[in-house]
C-alpha atoms as a PDB file:
ATOM      1  CA  MET A   1      37.439  39.826 -27.741  1.00  0.00           C
ATOM      2  CA  LYS A   2      35.865  42.430 -25.456  1.00  0.00           C
ATOM      3  CA  LEU A   3      32.227  41.195 -26.437  1.00  0.00           C
ATOM      4  CA  HIS A   4      33.439  38.069 -24.962  1.00  0.00           C
ATOM      5  CA  ILE A   5      34.895  39.694 -21.607  1.00  0.00           C
ATOM      6  CA  VAL A   6      31.397  41.679 -21.484  1.00  0.00           C
ATOM      7  CA  ALA A   7      29.493  38.592 -21.943  1.00  0.00           C
ATOM      8  CA  ALA A   8      31.401  36.725 -18.810  1.00  0.00           C
ATOM      9  CA  VAL A   9      31.184  39.752 -16.750  1.00  0.00           C
ATOM     10  CA  LEU A  10      27.435  39.845 -17.219  1.00  0.00           C
ATOM     11  CA  CYS A  11      26.599  36.140 -16.425  1.00  0.00           C
ATOM     12  CA  ALA A  12      28.645  36.696 -13.289  1.00  0.00           C
ATOM     13  CA  ILE A  13      26.743  39.485 -12.504  1.00  0.00           C
ATOM     14  CA  LEU A  14      23.137  37.426 -13.073  1.00  0.00           C
ATOM     15  CA  PHE A  15      24.571  34.773 -10.890  1.00  0.00           C
ATOM     16  CA  PHE A  16      25.590  36.684  -8.080  1.00  0.00           C
ATOM     17  CA  ALA A  17      21.779  38.410  -8.440  1.00  0.00           C
ATOM     18  CA  GLY A  18      20.850  35.150  -8.086  1.00  0.00           C
ATOM     19  CA  TYR A  19      19.212  35.058 -11.555  1.00  0.00           C
ATOM     20  CA  LEU A  20      21.060  32.235 -12.788  1.00  0.00           C
ATOM     21  CA  PRO A  21      21.406  28.714 -11.003  1.00  0.00           C
ATOM     22  CA  ALA A  22      24.238  26.941  -9.451  1.00  0.00           C
ATOM     23  CA  ALA A  23      25.880  23.897 -11.272  1.00  0.00           C
ATOM     24  CA  VAL A  24      23.542  20.867 -10.549  1.00  0.00           C
ATOM     25  CA  PRO A  25      25.642  18.220  -8.177  1.00  0.00           C
ATOM     26  CA  GLN A  26      26.805  15.136 -10.169  1.00  0.00           C
ATOM     27  CA  ILE A  27      27.923  11.798  -9.798  1.00  0.00           C
ATOM     28  CA  ALA A  28      29.650   9.553 -12.293  1.00  0.00           C
ATOM     29  CA  GLY A  29      27.842  11.844 -15.061  1.00  0.00           C
ATOM     30  CA  CYS A  30      24.774  11.977 -13.346  1.00  0.00           C
ATOM     31  CA  PRO A  31      22.792  14.538 -11.821  1.00  0.00           C
ATOM     32  CA  VAL A  32      21.877  14.105  -8.259  1.00  0.00           C
ATOM     33  CA  PHE A  33      18.036  15.012  -8.793  1.00  0.00           C
ATOM     34  CA  PRO A  34      17.264  17.954 -11.412  1.00  0.00           C
ATOM     35  CA  ALA A  35      18.450  21.257 -10.686  1.00  0.00           C
ATOM     36  CA  ASP A  36      14.934  22.835  -9.536  1.00  0.00           C
ATOM     37  CA  ASN A  37      14.859  19.592  -7.039  1.00  0.00           C
ATOM     38  CA  ILE A  38      14.539  20.694  -3.287  1.00  0.00           C
ATOM     39  CA  TRP A  39      17.605  19.804  -2.141  1.00  0.00           C
ATOM     40  CA  ASN A  40      19.437  22.046  -4.865  1.00  0.00           C
ATOM     41  CA  THR A  41      17.210  24.887  -4.278  1.00  0.00           C
ATOM     42  CA  PRO A  42      18.392  28.132  -2.369  1.00  0.00           C
ATOM     43  CA  ILE A  43      16.784  28.761   0.629  1.00  0.00           C
ATOM     44  CA  ASP A  44      18.558  31.904   2.070  1.00  0.00           C
ATOM     45  CA  GLY A  45      15.681  33.877   1.163  1.00  0.00           C
ATOM     46  CA  LEU A  46      12.778  32.203   2.507  1.00  0.00           C
ATOM     47  CA  PRO A  47      11.131  33.096   5.824  1.00  0.00           C
ATOM     48  CA  ARG A  48      12.198  31.972   9.094  1.00  0.00           C
ATOM     49  CA  ALA A  49       9.681  29.267  10.650  1.00  0.00           C
ATOM     50  CA  SER A  50       7.535  30.318  13.206  1.00  0.00           C
ATOM     51  CA  ASN A  51       8.870  27.829  16.027  1.00  0.00           C
ATOM     52  CA  SER A  52      12.623  28.385  14.860  1.00  0.00           C
ATOM     53  CA  ALA A  53      13.728  28.999  18.434  1.00  0.00           C
ATOM     54  CA  ALA A  54      12.306  26.621  20.262  1.00  0.00           C
ATOM     55  CA  PHE A  55      13.531  23.663  17.428  1.00  0.00           C
ATOM     56  CA  ILE A  56      16.887  25.184  17.960  1.00  0.00           C
ATOM     57  CA  ASP A  57      16.719  25.185  21.412  1.00  0.00           C
ATOM     58  CA  THR A  58      15.583  21.486  21.492  1.00  0.00           C
ATOM     59  CA  ILE A  59      18.365  20.018  19.370  1.00  0.00           C
ATOM     60  CA  GLY A  60      20.664  22.443  21.373  1.00  0.00           C
ATOM     61  CA  ALA A  61      21.431  25.773  21.011  1.00  0.00           C
ATOM     62  CA  ASP A  62      24.853  25.346  23.060  1.00  0.00           C
ATOM     63  CA  VAL A  63      25.818  22.368  21.182  1.00  0.00           C
ATOM     64  CA  GLY A  64      28.556  22.302  18.491  1.00  0.00           C
ATOM     65  CA  LEU A  65      28.433  20.884  15.262  1.00  0.00           C
ATOM     66  CA  HIS A  66      30.290  17.555  14.049  1.00  0.00           C
ATOM     67  CA  PRO A  67      31.363  16.470  11.514  1.00  0.00           C
ATOM     68  CA  ASP A  68      29.909  12.267  11.229  1.00  0.00           C
ATOM     69  CA  PHE A  69      32.451  11.845   8.077  1.00  0.00           C
ATOM     70  CA  GLY A  70      36.398  12.652   7.568  1.00  0.00           C
ATOM     71  CA  ALA A  71      39.337  10.012   6.814  1.00  0.00           C
ATOM     72  CA  PRO A  72      39.679   6.707   8.334  1.00  0.00           C
ATOM     73  CA  TYR A  73      41.198   7.498  12.211  1.00  0.00           C
ATOM     74  CA  LEU A  74      43.562   4.695  14.360  1.00  0.00           C
ATOM     75  CA  SER A  75      41.720   3.244  17.219  1.00  0.00           C
ATOM     76  CA  GLY A  76      43.813   1.067  18.848  1.00  0.00           C
ATOM     77  CA  ASP A  77      45.717  -1.493  16.555  1.00  0.00           C
ATOM     78  CA  SER A  78      42.675  -0.684  13.936  1.00  0.00           C
ATOM     79  CA  LEU A  79      41.675   1.671  11.244  1.00  0.00           C
ATOM     80  CA  VAL A  80      38.165   2.964  11.446  1.00  0.00           C
ATOM     81  CA  PRO A  81      36.518   4.293   8.500  1.00  0.00           C
ATOM     82  CA  ILE A  82      33.862   7.160   9.252  1.00  0.00           C
ATOM     83  CA  GLY A  83      31.102   8.931   7.116  1.00  0.00           C
ATOM     84  CA  ILE A  84      28.976   7.154   4.154  1.00  0.00           C
ATOM     85  CA  PRO A  85      30.834   5.733   1.108  1.00  0.00           C
ATOM     86  CA  TYR A  86      28.974   5.054  -2.181  1.00  0.00           C
ATOM     87  CA  ASN A  87      29.442   2.689  -4.771  1.00  0.00           C
ATOM     88  CA  ILE A  88      29.901   3.376  -8.501  1.00  0.00           C
ATOM     89  CA  VAL A  89      28.676   0.487 -11.322  1.00  0.00           C
ATOM     90  CA  PRO A  90      27.817   0.178 -14.674  1.00  0.00           C
ATOM     91  CA  ALA A  91      24.132  -0.363 -15.468  1.00  0.00           C
ATOM     92  CA  VAL A  92      24.881  -4.030 -16.832  1.00  0.00           C
ATOM     93  CA  GLN A  93      26.493  -4.787 -12.543  1.00  0.00           C
ATOM     94  CA  THR A  94      24.251  -8.205 -11.735  1.00  0.00           C
ATOM     95  CA  GLY A  95      21.266  -7.544  -9.410  1.00  0.00           C
ATOM     96  CA  LYS A  96      21.017  -9.229  -6.443  1.00  0.00           C
ATOM     97  CA  PRO A  97      18.156 -10.266  -4.091  1.00  0.00           C
ATOM     98  CA  VAL A  98      17.757  -8.750  -0.997  1.00  0.00           C
ATOM     99  CA  TYR A  99      15.197  -9.591   1.532  1.00  0.00           C
ATOM    100  CA  PHE A 100      13.916  -6.811   3.994  1.00  0.00           C
ATOM    101  CA  ASP A 101      13.004  -6.443   7.612  1.00  0.00           C
ATOM    102  CA  ASP A 102      10.366  -3.798   6.450  1.00  0.00           C
ATOM    103  CA  ASP A 103       9.513  -5.496   3.137  1.00  0.00           C
ATOM    104  CA  GLY A 104       6.495  -3.398   2.947  1.00  0.00           C
ATOM    105  CA  GLU A 105       7.789  -0.101   2.816  1.00  0.00           C
ATOM    106  CA  SER A 106      10.992  -1.232   0.459  1.00  0.00           C
ATOM    107  CA  ASP A 107      11.393  -1.093  -3.377  1.00  0.00           C
ATOM    108  CA  SER A 108      11.846  -4.637  -3.820  1.00  0.00           C
ATOM    109  CA  GLY A 109      14.984  -4.633  -6.525  1.00  0.00           C
ATOM    110  CA  PRO A 110      17.097  -6.357  -7.330  1.00  0.00           C
ATOM    111  CA  TYR A 111      19.837  -4.072  -6.281  1.00  0.00           C
ATOM    112  CA  PRO A 112      23.022  -4.219  -7.818  1.00  0.00           C
ATOM    113  CA  ILE A 113      25.617  -4.913  -5.085  1.00  0.00           C
ATOM    114  CA  PRO A 114      29.274  -5.308  -6.330  1.00  0.00           C
ATOM    115  CA  ASP A 115      31.076  -8.138  -4.767  1.00  0.00           C
ATOM    116  CA  ASP A 116      33.035  -5.731  -2.563  1.00  0.00           C
ATOM    117  CA  PRO A 117      30.629  -3.122  -2.070  1.00  0.00           C
ATOM    118  CA  LEU A 118      31.787  -0.307   0.466  1.00  0.00           C
ATOM    119  CA  ILE A 119      29.706  -0.194   3.713  1.00  0.00           C
ATOM    120  CA  GLU A 120      29.515   2.159   6.079  1.00  0.00           C
ATOM    121  CA  GLY A 121      31.308   1.822   9.255  1.00  0.00           C
ATOM    122  CA  VAL A 122      33.195  -1.055   7.450  1.00  0.00           C
ATOM    123  CA  LEU A 123      37.163  -0.322   6.248  1.00  0.00           C
ATOM    124  CA  PRO A 124      37.465  -1.956   2.883  1.00  0.00           C
ATOM    125  CA  GLY A 125      39.569  -5.132   3.264  1.00  0.00           C
ATOM    126  CA  GLY A 126      39.208  -5.135   6.788  1.00  0.00           C
ATOM    127  CA  ASP A 127      36.500  -6.700   9.164  1.00  0.00           C
ATOM    128  CA  GLN A 128      33.441  -7.165   7.361  1.00  0.00           C
ATOM    129  CA  ASP A 129      31.388  -8.356  10.488  1.00  0.00           C
ATOM    130  CA  VAL A 130      31.189  -4.489  12.148  1.00  0.00           C
ATOM    131  CA  ASP A 131      27.511  -3.464  13.239  1.00  0.00           C
ATOM    132  CA  GLY A 132      26.148  -0.043  13.051  1.00  0.00           C
ATOM    133  CA  ASP A 133      24.002   1.189   9.929  1.00  0.00           C
ATOM    134  CA  ARG A 134      25.843  -0.349   7.625  1.00  0.00           C
ATOM    135  CA  HIS A 135      24.234   1.706   4.661  1.00  0.00           C
ATOM    136  CA  ILE A 136      25.009   0.716   1.004  1.00  0.00           C
ATOM    137  CA  LEU A 137      24.888   3.516  -1.275  1.00  0.00           C
ATOM    138  CA  ILE A 138      24.894   2.555  -5.168  1.00  0.00           C
ATOM    139  CA  VAL A 139      24.823   4.857  -8.329  1.00  0.00           C
ATOM    140  CA  ALA A 140      24.258   2.874 -11.566  1.00  0.00           C
ATOM    141  CA  ARG A 141      26.023   5.834 -13.833  1.00  0.00           C
ATOM    142  CA  ASP A 142      24.572   4.225 -17.029  1.00  0.00           C
ATOM    143  CA  ASN A 143      21.178   4.837 -16.297  1.00  0.00           C
ATOM    144  CA  CYS A 144      21.285   7.218 -13.323  1.00  0.00           C
ATOM    145  CA  ARG A 145      19.832   5.095 -11.019  1.00  0.00           C
ATOM    146  CA  LEU A 146      20.423   5.455  -7.179  1.00  0.00           C
ATOM    147  CA  TYR A 147      19.811   2.420  -4.831  1.00  0.00           C
ATOM    148  CA  GLU A 148      19.913   2.408  -1.004  1.00  0.00           C
ATOM    149  CA  LEU A 149      20.060   0.265   1.833  1.00  0.00           C
ATOM    150  CA  PHE A 150      20.006   0.161   5.390  1.00  0.00           C
ATOM    151  CA  TYR A 151      21.379  -2.563   7.856  1.00  0.00           C
ATOM    152  CA  ALA A 152      22.582  -4.314   5.048  1.00  0.00           C
ATOM    153  CA  TRP A 153      24.288  -7.817   5.146  1.00  0.00           C
ATOM    154  CA  PRO A 154      25.626 -10.593   3.259  1.00  0.00           C
ATOM    155  CA  ARG A 155      24.161 -13.945   2.916  1.00  0.00           C
ATOM    156  CA  VAL A 156      26.847 -17.236   2.289  1.00  0.00           C
ATOM    157  CA  ASP A 157      24.520 -17.718  -1.223  1.00  0.00           C
ATOM    158  CA  GLY A 158      25.387 -14.381  -2.199  1.00  0.00           C
ATOM    159  CA  THR A 159      21.593 -12.777  -1.620  1.00  0.00           C
ATOM    160  CA  TRP A 160      21.431 -10.162   0.984  1.00  0.00           C
ATOM    161  CA  ASP A 161      19.236  -9.013   4.031  1.00  0.00           C
ATOM    162  CA  ALA A 162      18.524  -5.201   4.893  1.00  0.00           C
ATOM    163  CA  GLY A 163      16.480  -3.627   7.427  1.00  0.00           C
ATOM    164  CA  SER A 164      14.991  -1.223   4.061  1.00  0.00           C
ATOM    165  CA  GLY A 165      15.557  -0.178   0.957  1.00  0.00           C
ATOM    166  CA  ALA A 166      15.137   2.730  -1.656  1.00  0.00           C
ATOM    167  CA  ILE A 167      15.579   3.131  -5.415  1.00  0.00           C
ATOM    168  CA  PHE A 168      15.337   6.272  -6.998  1.00  0.00           C
ATOM    169  CA  ASP A 169      16.083   7.993 -10.556  1.00  0.00           C
ATOM    170  CA  LEU A 170      18.316  10.545 -10.183  1.00  0.00           C
ATOM    171  CA  ARG A 171      17.042  12.059 -13.181  1.00  0.00           C
ATOM    172  CA  SER A 172      13.702  12.843 -11.403  1.00  0.00           C
ATOM    173  CA  ASN A 173      12.041  14.610  -9.034  1.00  0.00           C
ATOM    174  CA  ALA A 174       9.534  11.829  -7.472  1.00  0.00           C
ATOM    175  CA  LEU A 175       9.181  11.101  -3.685  1.00  0.00           C
ATOM    176  CA  ARG A 176       8.678   8.129  -1.849  1.00  0.00           C
ATOM    177  CA  PRO A 177       4.978   6.921  -1.651  1.00  0.00           C
ATOM    178  CA  ALA A 178       3.442   8.849   1.327  1.00  0.00           C
ATOM    179  CA  GLY A 179       4.432   7.522   4.740  1.00  0.00           C
ATOM    180  CA  TRP A 180       7.201   5.302   3.286  1.00  0.00           C
ATOM    181  CA  THR A 181      10.599   4.898   4.998  1.00  0.00           C
ATOM    182  CA  SER A 182      13.964   4.880   2.557  1.00  0.00           C
ATOM    183  CA  ALA A 183      17.220   3.675   3.773  1.00  0.00           C
ATOM    184  CA  ASP A 184      16.861   6.801   6.054  1.00  0.00           C
ATOM    185  CA  ALA A 185      14.444   7.466   8.368  1.00  0.00           C
ATOM    186  CA  ALA A 186      12.699  10.940   6.737  1.00  0.00           C
ATOM    187  CA  GLY A 187      12.301   8.592   3.680  1.00  0.00           C
ATOM    188  CA  LEU A 188      14.570  10.870   1.583  1.00  0.00           C
ATOM    189  CA  PRO A 189      18.082   9.895  -0.371  1.00  0.00           C
ATOM    190  CA  ILE A 190      20.805   9.950   1.192  1.00  0.00           C
ATOM    191  CA  LEU A 191      23.509  10.844  -1.454  1.00  0.00           C
ATOM    192  CA  ALA A 192      21.815  13.983  -1.949  1.00  0.00           C
ATOM    193  CA  GLY A 193      22.726  15.141   1.368  1.00  0.00           C
ATOM    194  CA  LEU A 194      25.839  14.177   1.682  1.00  0.00           C
ATOM    195  CA  VAL A 195      29.477  16.603   1.802  1.00  0.00           C
ATOM    196  CA  ARG A 196      31.780  15.138  -0.463  1.00  0.00           C
ATOM    197  CA  TYR A 197      35.553  16.106  -0.832  1.00  0.00           C
ATOM    198  CA  ASP A 198      35.450  16.844  -4.448  1.00  0.00           C
ATOM    199  CA  GLU A 199      32.645  19.314  -4.270  1.00  0.00           C
ATOM    200  CA  VAL A 200      34.570  21.116  -1.533  1.00  0.00           C
ATOM    201  CA  ALA A 201      38.107  20.517  -3.816  1.00  0.00           C
ATOM    202  CA  SER A 202      35.845  22.068  -6.804  1.00  0.00           C
ATOM    203  CA  GLY A 203      35.121  25.353  -4.799  1.00  0.00           C
ATOM    204  CA  GLU A 204      31.246  24.927  -4.323  1.00  0.00           C
ATOM    205  CA  ILE A 205      28.662  22.887  -2.293  1.00  0.00           C
ATOM    206  CA  ALA A 206      25.444  23.354  -4.395  1.00  0.00           C
ATOM    207  CA  HIS A 207      22.923  21.342  -2.093  1.00  0.00           C
ATOM    208  CA  ALA A 208      21.221  21.167   1.066  1.00  0.00           C
ATOM    209  CA  ILE A 209      22.982  19.023   3.945  1.00  0.00           C
ATOM    210  CA  ARG A 210      22.020  15.634   5.518  1.00  0.00           C
ATOM    211  CA  PHE A 211      22.089  15.705   9.591  1.00  0.00           C
ATOM    212  CA  THR A 212      21.126  14.134  12.108  1.00  0.00           C
ATOM    213  CA  ALA A 213      19.331  14.875  15.736  1.00  0.00           C
ATOM    214  CA  GLU A 214      18.674  12.850  19.055  1.00  0.00           C
ATOM    215  CA  ASN A 215      15.166  10.593  18.939  1.00  0.00           C
ATOM    216  CA  SER A 216      13.704  12.484  21.596  1.00  0.00           C
ATOM    217  CA  HIS A 217      14.421  15.713  20.090  1.00  0.00           C
ATOM    218  CA  ILE A 218      12.606  14.677  16.873  1.00  0.00           C
ATOM    219  CA  ARG A 219       8.480  14.995  16.585  1.00  0.00           C
ATOM    220  CA  LYS A 220       6.503  12.039  15.836  1.00  0.00           C
ATOM    221  CA  ALA A 221       5.432  14.117  12.215  1.00  0.00           C
ATOM    222  CA  TYR A 222       7.547  14.859   8.706  1.00  0.00           C
ATOM    223  CA  VAL A 223       7.335  17.832   6.554  1.00  0.00           C
ATOM    224  CA  TRP A 224       7.706  17.980   3.016  1.00  0.00           C
ATOM    225  CA  PRO A 225      10.218  16.792   1.258  1.00  0.00           C
ATOM    226  CA  ALA A 226      10.214  13.999   3.915  1.00  0.00           C
ATOM    227  CA  ARG A 227       7.952  10.935   3.438  1.00  0.00           C
ATOM    228  CA  HIS A 228       8.472   9.274   7.294  1.00  0.00           C
ATOM    229  CA  GLN A 229       8.647   9.845  10.497  1.00  0.00           C
ATOM    230  CA  ALA A 230      10.182   7.315  13.456  1.00  0.00           C
ATOM    231  CA  ASN A 231       9.906   9.106  16.298  1.00  0.00           C
ATOM    232  CA  SER A 232       7.354   9.355  19.626  1.00  0.00           C
ATOM    233  CA  GLY A 233       7.411  12.896  20.458  1.00  0.00           C
ATOM    234  CA  THR A 234       4.301  15.112  19.850  1.00  0.00           C
ATOM    235  CA  SER A 235       5.408  18.320  21.013  1.00  0.00           C
ATOM    236  CA  ASP A 236       5.292  21.248  18.734  1.00  0.00           C
ATOM    237  CA  LEU A 237       8.576  22.397  20.072  1.00  0.00           C
ATOM    238  CA  LEU A 238      10.262  19.522  18.335  1.00  0.00           C
ATOM    239  CA  PRO A 239      11.206  19.607  14.721  1.00  0.00           C
ATOM    240  CA  PRO A 240       9.804  17.071  12.432  1.00  0.00           C
ATOM    241  CA  MET A 241      11.408  14.929  10.045  1.00  0.00           C
ATOM    242  CA  GLY A 242      12.472  16.625   6.771  1.00  0.00           C
ATOM    243  CA  GLN A 243      12.651  20.477   8.982  1.00  0.00           C
ATOM    244  CA  ARG A 244      15.079  22.851   7.046  1.00  0.00           C
ATOM    245  CA  PHE A 245      17.514  24.678   8.687  1.00  0.00           C
ATOM    246  CA  ARG A 246      20.601  27.605   7.701  1.00  0.00           C
ATOM    247  CA  LEU A 247      23.073  28.889   8.938  1.00  0.00           C
ATOM    248  CA  LYS A 248      22.607  32.613   9.909  1.00  0.00           C
ATOM    249  CA  ALA A 249      23.538  34.949   7.056  1.00  0.00           C
ATOM    250  CA  SER A 250      25.372  37.230   9.995  1.00  0.00           C
ATOM    251  CA  PHE A 251      27.836  34.446  10.695  1.00  0.00           C
ATOM    252  CA  ASP A 252      31.068  35.261  10.415  1.00  0.00           C
ATOM    253  CA  LEU A 253      33.485  33.090   8.373  1.00  0.00           C
ATOM    254  CA  SER A 254      36.467  34.490   8.998  1.00  0.00           C
ATOM    255  CA  GLY A 255      39.116  32.389  10.613  1.00  0.00           C
ATOM    256  CA  PHE A 256      37.678  29.349   8.972  1.00  0.00           C
ATOM    257  CA  SER A 257      40.142  27.429   6.816  1.00  0.00           C
ATOM    258  CA  ALA A 258      39.142  27.305   2.593  1.00  0.00           C
ATOM    259  CA  GLU A 259      37.586  23.914   3.022  1.00  0.00           C
ATOM    260  CA  MET A 260      35.300  24.665   6.220  1.00  0.00           C
ATOM    261  CA  LYS A 261      33.981  28.103   4.198  1.00  0.00           C
ATOM    262  CA  ILE A 262      32.740  26.158   1.297  1.00  0.00           C
ATOM    263  CA  ILE A 263      30.559  23.828   3.799  1.00  0.00           C
ATOM    264  CA  LEU A 264      29.448  26.946   5.656  1.00  0.00           C
ATOM    265  CA  THR A 265      28.446  29.082   3.017  1.00  0.00           C
ATOM    266  CA  ALA A 266      26.399  25.847   1.735  1.00  0.00           C
ATOM    267  CA  MET A 267      24.626  25.751   5.332  1.00  0.00           C
ATOM    268  CA  LYS A 268      23.597  29.351   4.549  1.00  0.00           C
ATOM    269  CA  LYS A 269      22.763  29.184   1.065  1.00  0.00           C
ATOM    270  CA  TYR A 270      21.087  25.746   0.663  1.00  0.00           C
ATOM    271  CA  GLY A 271      20.945  24.807   4.312  1.00  0.00           C
ATOM    272  CA  LEU A 272      20.607  21.360   6.302  1.00  0.00           C
ATOM    273  CA  ILE A 273      17.862  18.994   6.117  1.00  0.00           C
ATOM    274  CA  LEU A 274      16.604  16.485   9.292  1.00  0.00           C
ATOM    275  CA  ALA A 275      16.880  12.898   7.966  1.00  0.00           C
ATOM    276  CA  ASP A 276      17.423  10.778  10.572  1.00  0.00           C
ATOM    277  CA  ASN A 277      17.666   9.839  14.478  1.00  0.00           C
ATOM    278  CA  GLY A 278      21.465  10.233  15.508  1.00  0.00           C
ATOM    279  CA  SER A 279      23.470  12.198  17.567  1.00  0.00           C
ATOM    280  CA  ASP A 280      22.335  15.988  17.926  1.00  0.00           C
ATOM    281  CA  TRP A 281      24.065  18.110  15.333  1.00  0.00           C
ATOM    282  CA  TYR A 282      26.045  15.661  13.470  1.00  0.00           C
ATOM    283  CA  ILE A 283      26.476  16.300   9.519  1.00  0.00           C
ATOM    284  CA  SER A 284      26.979  13.603   7.331  1.00  0.00           C
ATOM    285  CA  GLY A 285      29.359  13.013   4.642  1.00  0.00           C
ATOM    286  CA  SER A 286      31.444  10.404   2.659  1.00  0.00           C
ATOM    287  CA  PRO A 287      34.931   9.130   3.837  1.00  0.00           C
ATOM    288  CA  ASP A 288      37.937  10.671   1.837  1.00  0.00           C
ATOM    289  CA  ASP A 289      41.496   9.984   2.675  1.00  0.00           C
ATOM    290  CA  ARG A 290      41.659  13.923   1.855  1.00  0.00           C
ATOM    291  CA  TRP A 291      39.815  14.877   4.994  1.00  0.00           C
ATOM    292  CA  ASP A 292      41.905  16.821   7.825  1.00  0.00           C
ATOM    293  CA  ASN A 293      39.984  15.029  10.750  1.00  0.00           C
ATOM    294  CA  ASP A 294      41.435  17.267  13.737  1.00  0.00           C
ATOM    295  CA  THR A 295      40.895  20.541  11.398  1.00  0.00           C
ATOM    296  CA  LEU A 296      37.075  19.215  10.795  1.00  0.00           C
ATOM    297  CA  VAL A 297      36.376  18.444  14.167  1.00  0.00           C
ATOM    298  CA  SER A 298      37.617  21.432  15.659  1.00  0.00           C
ATOM    299  CA  GLU A 299      35.738  24.019  13.098  1.00  0.00           C
ATOM    300  CA  PHE A 300      32.971  22.530  13.552  1.00  0.00           C
ATOM    301  CA  ARG A 301      33.140  22.701  17.093  1.00  0.00           C
ATOM    302  CA  ARG A 302      33.072  26.324  16.932  1.00  0.00           C
ATOM    303  CA  VAL A 303      29.482  26.617  15.085  1.00  0.00           C
ATOM    304  CA  LYS A 304      26.946  26.366  17.503  1.00  0.00           C
ATOM    305  CA  GLY A 305      22.983  25.450  17.198  1.00  0.00           C
ATOM    306  CA  SER A 306      22.140  28.991  18.288  1.00  0.00           C
ATOM    307  CA  ASP A 307      24.021  30.039  15.018  1.00  0.00           C
ATOM    308  CA  PHE A 308      21.177  28.528  12.810  1.00  0.00           C
ATOM    309  CA  GLU A 309      17.274  29.138  11.993  1.00  0.00           C
ATOM    310  CA  ALA A 310      14.663  26.488  10.729  1.00  0.00           C
ATOM    311  CA  VAL A 311      13.246  27.439   7.715  1.00  0.00           C
ATOM    312  CA  ASP A 312       9.644  27.415   6.054  1.00  0.00           C
ATOM    313  CA  VAL A 313      10.178  26.034   2.850  1.00  0.00           C
ATOM    314  CA  SER A 314       6.233  25.360   2.354  1.00  0.00           C
ATOM    315  CA  SER A 315       6.302  28.257  -0.256  1.00  0.00           C
ATOM    316  CA  LEU A 316       8.424  26.401  -2.817  1.00  0.00           C
ATOM    317  CA  MET A 317       6.120  23.035  -3.061  1.00  0.00           C
ATOM    318  CA  VAL A 318       4.384  22.499  -6.309  1.00  0.00           C
ATOM    319  CA  ASP A 319       3.158  19.098  -5.517  1.00  0.00           C
ATOM    320  CA  PRO A 320       3.406  17.344  -2.310  1.00  0.00           C
ATOM    321  CA  ASP A 321       4.308  14.103  -4.267  1.00  0.00           C
ATOM    322  CA  SER A 322       7.056  15.435  -5.911  1.00  0.00           C
ATOM    323  CA  GLY A 323      10.501  16.897  -5.003  1.00  0.00           C
ATOM    324  CA  LYS A 324      10.307  19.907  -7.782  1.00  0.00           C
ATOM    325  CA  ALA A 325      10.766  23.500  -6.009  1.00  0.00           C
ATOM    326  CA  GLY A 326       9.302  26.732  -7.155  1.00  0.00           C
ATOM    327  CA  ASN A 327      11.179  29.882  -7.867  1.00  0.00           C
ATOM    328  CA  PRO A 328      12.772  31.098  -4.475  1.00  0.00           C
ATOM    329  CA  PRO A 329      12.902  34.518  -3.785  1.00  0.00           C
ATOM    330  CA  SER A 330      16.002  36.327  -4.705  1.00  0.00           C
ATOM    331  CA  SER A 331      18.768  35.670  -2.300  1.00  0.00           C
ATOM    332  CA  PRO A 332      19.374  38.730   0.136  1.00  0.00           C
ATOM    333  CA  SER A 333      23.422  37.536   0.203  1.00  0.00           C
ATOM    334  CA  ILE A 334      25.721  37.563  -2.781  1.00  0.00           C
ATOM    335  CA  GLY A 335      27.447  34.379  -3.238  1.00  0.00           C
ATOM    336  CA  PHE A 336      30.585  33.223  -5.254  1.00  0.00           C
ATOM    337  CA  SER A 337      30.782  30.125  -7.658  1.00  0.00           C
ATOM    338  CA  PRO A 338      34.495  29.240  -8.494  1.00  0.00           C
ATOM    339  CA  SER A 339      32.499  28.380 -12.090  1.00  0.00           C
ATOM    340  CA  TRP A 340      32.157  31.952 -13.298  1.00  0.00           C
ATOM    341  CA  TYR A 341      35.651  32.758 -11.402  1.00  0.00           C
ATOM    342  CA  HIS A 342      37.259  30.594 -14.045  1.00  0.00           C
ATOM    343  CA  LEU A 343      34.591  31.874 -16.808  1.00  0.00           C
ATOM    344  CA  LEU A 344      36.010  35.781 -16.610  1.00  0.00           C
ATOM    345  CA  LEU A 345      39.628  34.586 -16.690  1.00  0.00           C
ATOM    346  CA  HIS A 346      38.994  32.524 -19.539  1.00  0.00           C
ATOM    347  CA  ALA A 347      37.532  35.457 -21.109  1.00  0.00           C
ATOM    348  CA  GLU A 348      40.510  37.714 -19.722  1.00  0.00           C
ATOM    349  CA  GLU A 349      43.216  35.479 -21.494  1.00  0.00           C
ATOM    350  CA  ARG A 350      40.866  35.784 -24.846  1.00  0.00           C
END
């Protein structure tokens, strides 16, 4: 019995010291990319980027964060969903042809779109003709493939139109071809960077988080792991697509709700990735009825751009065509993993 306790305590110490990895994010039994993928790699021990101050000022040092996700809210007489949902289907789901505006940089498919898919901006069972980004994200659970579409619209014959589309192997570190878009402007997967309520409820978000900035605030360039740019500015004062940011280690988490502390802790440890054009400091996540919109908005607003710093992740790049990250330096701070907490409790019970 004592041996179990000692082993559990040792494992916890090793985790806190940064020698053991956090649990790999999963959806429907599939990893959301390997444990050594750049999305799932801590960056709290990496150096600050040389242009950090300029990048922060450009996006907005005094601008508060905003959750681009939450529970459906009432607008007039209609419920409006907020966030990017995802669909889970079996590998045998029938694939449907998709016709792309950007067919030169899109994966041809077919795409296993269910009959009534969850679409960004569209309330299930509500008006299906709502305009917007209309992302469709699909996880095929049996073969762990991720399918993502931008601006997807159904045709009457059962086929689909979309602006662009990408297919990812969730068990692989492969990136898009250099210069290719995806369903996101940076050529990255969207699903990997979403804040999901189930993760918050588990006590930990173990990956970087997607965010947007205004088109004019992003440089016409991209840095690893991004594969695509969609902007016009050329100043070095503008951050490129794929730029990583992190919440400063000194940021005080006291006074925030338990859920918000989990999100902010992930922003310190794994950071944010600039992945698309949009509003400044808008944080991406999945819709869920369990979110408290008032709490999300008020607490995100308290976190300003000046509370972040840009990070240089170039030392982690093993291959420019792979999302695999090298070993990061030891974290300067101690984190907390509920999985080890439960392990300790279990050991004590025995």
